[in-house]
Amino acid sequence: MSDKEKSGPDYRETLFLPKTDFPMRAGLPKKEPGILKRWNEMDLYRRAREVAKGREKYVLHDGPPYANGHLHIGHAMNKILKDVITRTRQMMGYDSNYVPGWD
């Protein structure tokens, strides 16, 4: 019996999958430093803040994390959700700048 018969039929060619030139992996650990460098060169954050000047403000008051407990995934989730909310409001036309609270 051949190796092909042992392993069974090759079904890869029976699937109708799109052909693409995109790589299977994004390679973000290698690409991200270049993207961040470009954003810094463009002074993107300052430009976004300038565009928002004069718009109606959206303020999300964020206090510091609890000091009497260990850090856990809930702390990260809390900060991420607040960041998403303020960025969404910024894209909706508000002047919304997220400043996490710390002691």
N, C-alpha and C. Protein backbone atom coordinates (compact mmCIF):
# COMPACT_ATOMS: atom_id res chain seq x y z
N MET A 1 0.85 -1.18 0.00
CA MET A 1 0.00 0.00 0.00
C MET A 1 0.90 1.25 0.00
N SER A 2 0.57 2.24 -0.82
CA SER A 2 1.39 3.46 -0.90
C SER A 2 1.07 4.38 0.27
N ASP A 3 1.94 5.37 0.46
CA ASP A 3 1.73 6.34 1.54
C ASP A 3 0.42 7.11 1.34
N LYS A 4 0.08 7.40 0.08
CA LYS A 4 -1.14 8.15 -0.20
C LYS A 4 -2.38 7.34 0.18
N GLU A 5 -2.35 6.06 -0.09
CA GLU A 5 -3.49 5.21 0.25
C GLU A 5 -3.63 5.07 1.75
N LYS A 6 -2.51 5.05 2.48
CA LYS A 6 -2.55 4.92 3.94
C LYS A 6 -3.17 6.17 4.58
N SER A 7 -2.80 7.32 4.07
CA SER A 7 -3.28 8.56 4.70
C SER A 7 -4.67 8.95 4.22
N GLY A 8 -5.16 8.34 3.18
CA GLY A 8 -6.48 8.65 2.67
C GLY A 8 -6.40 9.65 1.54
N PRO A 9 -7.54 9.96 0.96
CA PRO A 9 -7.56 10.88 -0.18
C PRO A 9 -7.17 12.31 0.23
N ASP A 10 -6.63 13.03 -0.73
CA ASP A 10 -6.24 14.42 -0.52
C ASP A 10 -7.43 15.32 -0.89
N TYR A 11 -8.10 15.84 0.11
CA TYR A 11 -9.30 16.64 -0.11
C TYR A 11 -9.01 18.12 -0.35
N ARG A 12 -7.75 18.54 -0.26
CA ARG A 12 -7.43 19.96 -0.42
C ARG A 12 -7.89 20.51 -1.76
N GLU A 13 -7.79 19.72 -2.79
CA GLU A 13 -8.17 20.21 -4.12
C GLU A 13 -9.67 20.13 -4.37
N THR A 14 -10.43 19.57 -3.44
CA THR A 14 -11.88 19.46 -3.63
C THR A 14 -12.62 20.66 -3.05
N LEU A 15 -11.92 21.50 -2.30
CA LEU A 15 -12.55 22.67 -1.69
C LEU A 15 -12.42 23.87 -2.61
N PHE A 16 -13.48 24.65 -2.68
CA PHE A 16 -13.44 25.86 -3.50
C PHE A 16 -13.03 27.02 -2.60
N LEU A 17 -11.73 27.22 -2.48
CA LEU A 17 -11.19 28.29 -1.66
C LEU A 17 -10.65 29.39 -2.56
N PRO A 18 -10.82 30.63 -2.16
CA PRO A 18 -10.31 31.72 -3.00
C PRO A 18 -8.79 31.71 -3.04
N LYS A 19 -8.25 32.11 -4.16
CA LYS A 19 -6.81 32.24 -4.30
C LYS A 19 -6.46 33.69 -4.00
N THR A 20 -5.43 33.89 -3.22
CA THR A 20 -5.04 35.24 -2.84
C THR A 20 -3.53 35.37 -2.78
N ASP A 21 -3.06 36.57 -2.99
CA ASP A 21 -1.63 36.85 -2.85
C ASP A 21 -1.27 37.24 -1.41
N PHE A 22 -2.29 37.40 -0.56
CA PHE A 22 -2.02 37.75 0.82
C PHE A 22 -1.30 36.60 1.52
N PRO A 23 -0.35 36.93 2.39
CA PRO A 23 0.32 35.87 3.14
C PRO A 23 -0.64 35.25 4.16
N MET A 24 -0.38 34.00 4.52
CA MET A 24 -1.24 33.32 5.49
C MET A 24 -1.10 33.94 6.88
N ARG A 25 0.04 34.53 7.15
CA ARG A 25 0.25 35.19 8.44
C ARG A 25 0.55 36.66 8.18
N ALA A 26 0.06 37.50 9.08
CA ALA A 26 0.23 38.94 8.88
C ALA A 26 1.63 39.42 9.23
N GLY A 27 2.34 38.69 10.09
CA GLY A 27 3.68 39.11 10.49
C GLY A 27 3.68 40.40 11.28
N LEU A 28 2.66 40.57 12.15
CA LEU A 28 2.52 41.83 12.88
C LEU A 28 3.71 42.17 13.77
N PRO A 29 4.32 41.22 14.45
CA PRO A 29 5.48 41.61 15.27
C PRO A 29 6.58 42.29 14.47
N LYS A 30 6.71 41.95 13.21
CA LYS A 30 7.72 42.60 12.36
C LYS A 30 7.21 43.90 11.76
N LYS A 31 5.92 43.96 11.45
CA LYS A 31 5.35 45.13 10.77
C LYS A 31 5.01 46.28 11.73
N GLU A 32 4.61 45.94 12.95
CA GLU A 32 4.11 46.96 13.86
C GLU A 32 5.12 48.08 14.14
N PRO A 33 6.39 47.80 14.39
CA PRO A 33 7.32 48.92 14.63
C PRO A 33 7.36 49.91 13.47
N GLY A 34 7.30 49.43 12.24
CA GLY A 34 7.29 50.33 11.09
C GLY A 34 6.03 51.16 11.01
N ILE A 35 4.90 50.54 11.33
CA ILE A 35 3.63 51.27 11.32
C ILE A 35 3.63 52.36 12.38
N LEU A 36 4.09 52.02 13.59
CA LEU A 36 4.15 53.01 14.67
C LEU A 36 5.11 54.14 14.33
N LYS A 37 6.22 53.80 13.71
CA LYS A 37 7.19 54.83 13.30
C LYS A 37 6.54 55.80 12.30
N ARG A 38 5.82 55.24 11.35
CA ARG A 38 5.16 56.08 10.34
C ARG A 38 4.12 56.99 10.99
N TRP A 39 3.33 56.44 11.91
CA TRP A 39 2.32 57.25 12.60
C TRP A 39 2.99 58.37 13.39
N ASN A 40 4.12 58.07 14.04
CA ASN A 40 4.84 59.10 14.80
C ASN A 40 5.39 60.17 13.87
N GLU A 41 5.92 59.76 12.72
CA GLU A 41 6.44 60.73 11.75
C GLU A 41 5.33 61.63 11.22
N MET A 42 4.14 61.07 11.06
CA MET A 42 2.99 61.85 10.58
C MET A 42 2.39 62.72 11.68
N ASP A 43 2.82 62.47 12.93
CA ASP A 43 2.26 63.16 14.10
C ASP A 43 0.75 62.97 14.13
N LEU A 44 0.35 61.74 13.91
CA LEU A 44 -1.06 61.39 13.72
C LEU A 44 -1.93 61.74 14.93
N TYR A 45 -1.44 61.45 16.14
CA TYR A 45 -2.25 61.71 17.33
C TYR A 45 -2.55 63.20 17.47
N ARG A 46 -1.52 64.04 17.32
CA ARG A 46 -1.72 65.49 17.45
C ARG A 46 -2.69 65.99 16.38
N ARG A 47 -2.55 65.49 15.18
CA ARG A 47 -3.43 65.92 14.09
C ARG A 47 -4.88 65.54 14.36
N ALA A 48 -5.09 64.34 14.90
CA ALA A 48 -6.45 63.91 15.23
C ALA A 48 -7.04 64.78 16.34
N ARG A 49 -6.22 65.14 17.31
CA ARG A 49 -6.69 66.00 18.40
C ARG A 49 -7.02 67.40 17.88
N GLU A 50 -6.23 67.91 16.94
CA GLU A 50 -6.51 69.23 16.37
C GLU A 50 -7.82 69.25 15.59
N VAL A 51 -8.07 68.20 14.84
CA VAL A 51 -9.32 68.11 14.06
C VAL A 51 -10.52 68.11 15.00
N ALA A 52 -10.37 67.54 16.19
CA ALA A 52 -11.49 67.43 17.13
C ALA A 52 -11.75 68.71 17.91
N LYS A 53 -10.83 69.67 17.87
CA LYS A 53 -11.02 70.91 18.63
C LYS A 53 -12.31 71.60 18.20
N GLY A 54 -13.05 72.07 19.21
CA GLY A 54 -14.28 72.79 18.93
C GLY A 54 -15.51 71.90 18.82
N ARG A 55 -15.30 70.62 18.72
CA ARG A 55 -16.45 69.71 18.66
C ARG A 55 -17.06 69.54 20.05
N GLU A 56 -18.27 69.01 20.09
CA GLU A 56 -18.88 68.69 21.38
C GLU A 56 -18.01 67.66 22.09
N LYS A 57 -17.78 67.90 23.38
CA LYS A 57 -16.90 67.00 24.13
C LYS A 57 -17.66 65.77 24.61
N TYR A 58 -16.95 64.66 24.62
CA TYR A 58 -17.44 63.43 25.24
C TYR A 58 -16.37 63.02 26.24
N VAL A 59 -16.73 63.02 27.53
CA VAL A 59 -15.76 62.72 28.58
C VAL A 59 -16.19 61.45 29.30
N LEU A 60 -15.28 60.51 29.39
CA LEU A 60 -15.52 59.30 30.15
C LEU A 60 -14.58 59.36 31.36
N HIS A 61 -15.15 59.52 32.54
CA HIS A 61 -14.34 59.61 33.75
C HIS A 61 -13.90 58.21 34.15
N ASP A 62 -12.61 58.03 34.23
CA ASP A 62 -12.05 56.72 34.54
C ASP A 62 -11.17 56.84 35.77
N GLY A 63 -11.56 56.17 36.82
CA GLY A 63 -10.77 56.20 38.04
C GLY A 63 -9.65 55.18 38.00
N PRO A 64 -8.79 55.24 38.99
CA PRO A 64 -7.67 54.29 39.04
C PRO A 64 -8.17 52.88 39.37
N PRO A 65 -7.37 51.87 39.04
CA PRO A 65 -7.75 50.50 39.43
C PRO A 65 -7.67 50.36 40.95
N TYR A 66 -8.37 49.38 41.47
CA TYR A 66 -8.34 49.16 42.92
C TYR A 66 -6.93 48.83 43.37
N ALA A 67 -6.51 49.45 44.45
CA ALA A 67 -5.15 49.25 44.95
C ALA A 67 -5.07 48.10 45.94
N ASN A 68 -6.20 47.56 46.35
CA ASN A 68 -6.18 46.53 47.39
C ASN A 68 -6.33 45.11 46.85
N GLY A 69 -6.15 44.92 45.57
CA GLY A 69 -6.27 43.58 45.00
C GLY A 69 -5.22 43.33 43.94
N HIS A 70 -5.08 42.08 43.56
CA HIS A 70 -4.13 41.72 42.52
C HIS A 70 -4.68 42.09 41.14
N LEU A 71 -3.79 42.43 40.23
CA LEU A 71 -4.21 42.68 38.86
C LEU A 71 -4.77 41.41 38.25
N HIS A 72 -5.78 41.54 37.43
CA HIS A 72 -6.36 40.38 36.75
C HIS A 72 -6.88 40.84 35.39
N ILE A 73 -7.36 39.91 34.60
CA ILE A 73 -7.78 40.20 33.24
C ILE A 73 -8.94 41.21 33.20
N GLY A 74 -9.70 41.29 34.26
CA GLY A 74 -10.78 42.26 34.33
C GLY A 74 -10.29 43.70 34.24
N HIS A 75 -9.10 43.96 34.80
CA HIS A 75 -8.54 45.31 34.70
C HIS A 75 -8.26 45.66 33.24
N ALA A 76 -7.67 44.74 32.52
CA ALA A 76 -7.37 44.98 31.10
C ALA A 76 -8.67 45.16 30.32
N MET A 77 -9.65 44.32 30.59
CA MET A 77 -10.93 44.40 29.89
C MET A 77 -11.58 45.76 30.12
N ASN A 78 -11.54 46.24 31.36
CA ASN A 78 -12.10 47.53 31.71
C ASN A 78 -11.46 48.64 30.89
N LYS A 79 -10.14 48.67 30.82
CA LYS A 79 -9.42 49.72 30.08
C LYS A 79 -9.69 49.61 28.58
N ILE A 80 -9.72 48.39 28.07
CA ILE A 80 -9.95 48.18 26.64
C ILE A 80 -11.35 48.66 26.24
N LEU A 81 -12.36 48.31 27.02
CA LEU A 81 -13.73 48.72 26.70
C LEU A 81 -13.87 50.24 26.73
N LYS A 82 -13.26 50.88 27.72
CA LYS A 82 -13.33 52.34 27.80
C LYS A 82 -12.60 52.97 26.62
N ASP A 83 -11.50 52.40 26.20
CA ASP A 83 -10.77 52.90 25.04
C ASP A 83 -11.61 52.76 23.78
N VAL A 84 -12.27 51.62 23.62
CA VAL A 84 -13.13 51.39 22.45
C VAL A 84 -14.28 52.40 22.43
N ILE A 85 -14.89 52.63 23.58
CA ILE A 85 -16.01 53.57 23.65
C ILE A 85 -15.58 54.98 23.26
N THR A 86 -14.46 55.44 23.81
CA THR A 86 -14.03 56.81 23.50
C THR A 86 -13.56 56.94 22.06
N ARG A 87 -12.92 55.93 21.52
CA ARG A 87 -12.52 55.99 20.10
C ARG A 87 -13.74 56.01 19.19
N THR A 88 -14.76 55.24 19.55
CA THR A 88 -16.00 55.23 18.77
C THR A 88 -16.64 56.61 18.79
N ARG A 89 -16.69 57.23 19.95
CA ARG A 89 -17.27 58.57 20.06
C ARG A 89 -16.45 59.58 19.25
N GLN A 90 -15.14 59.42 19.24
CA GLN A 90 -14.29 60.30 18.44
C GLN A 90 -14.67 60.18 16.96
N MET A 91 -14.87 58.93 16.51
CA MET A 91 -15.22 58.71 15.10
C MET A 91 -16.65 59.16 14.79
N MET A 92 -17.47 59.31 15.83
CA MET A 92 -18.84 59.79 15.64
C MET A 92 -18.91 61.32 15.62
N GLY A 93 -17.76 61.97 15.75
CA GLY A 93 -17.74 63.42 15.63
C GLY A 93 -17.57 64.18 16.93
N TYR A 94 -17.34 63.50 18.03
CA TYR A 94 -17.13 64.18 19.30
C TYR A 94 -15.63 64.45 19.50
N ASP A 95 -15.35 65.35 20.43
CA ASP A 95 -13.98 65.54 20.90
C ASP A 95 -13.83 64.65 22.12
N SER A 96 -13.30 63.48 21.91
CA SER A 96 -13.23 62.47 22.96
C SER A 96 -11.80 61.98 23.09
N ASN A 97 -11.21 62.24 24.23
CA ASN A 97 -9.83 61.85 24.48
C ASN A 97 -9.79 60.97 25.73
N TYR A 98 -9.39 59.74 25.60
CA TYR A 98 -9.36 58.82 26.73
C TYR A 98 -8.06 58.97 27.51
N VAL A 99 -8.19 59.33 28.76
CA VAL A 99 -7.04 59.42 29.65
C VAL A 99 -7.30 58.47 30.81
N PRO A 100 -6.62 57.31 30.83
CA PRO A 100 -6.85 56.36 31.92
C PRO A 100 -6.49 56.98 33.27
N GLY A 101 -7.25 56.64 34.28
CA GLY A 101 -7.00 57.16 35.62
C GLY A 101 -5.96 56.33 36.37
N TRP A 102 -5.05 57.02 37.02
CA TRP A 102 -4.01 56.37 37.83
C TRP A 102 -3.78 57.21 39.07
N ASP A 103 -3.30 56.57 40.11
CA ASP A 103 -2.94 57.31 41.34
C ASP A 103 -1.55 57.85 41.22
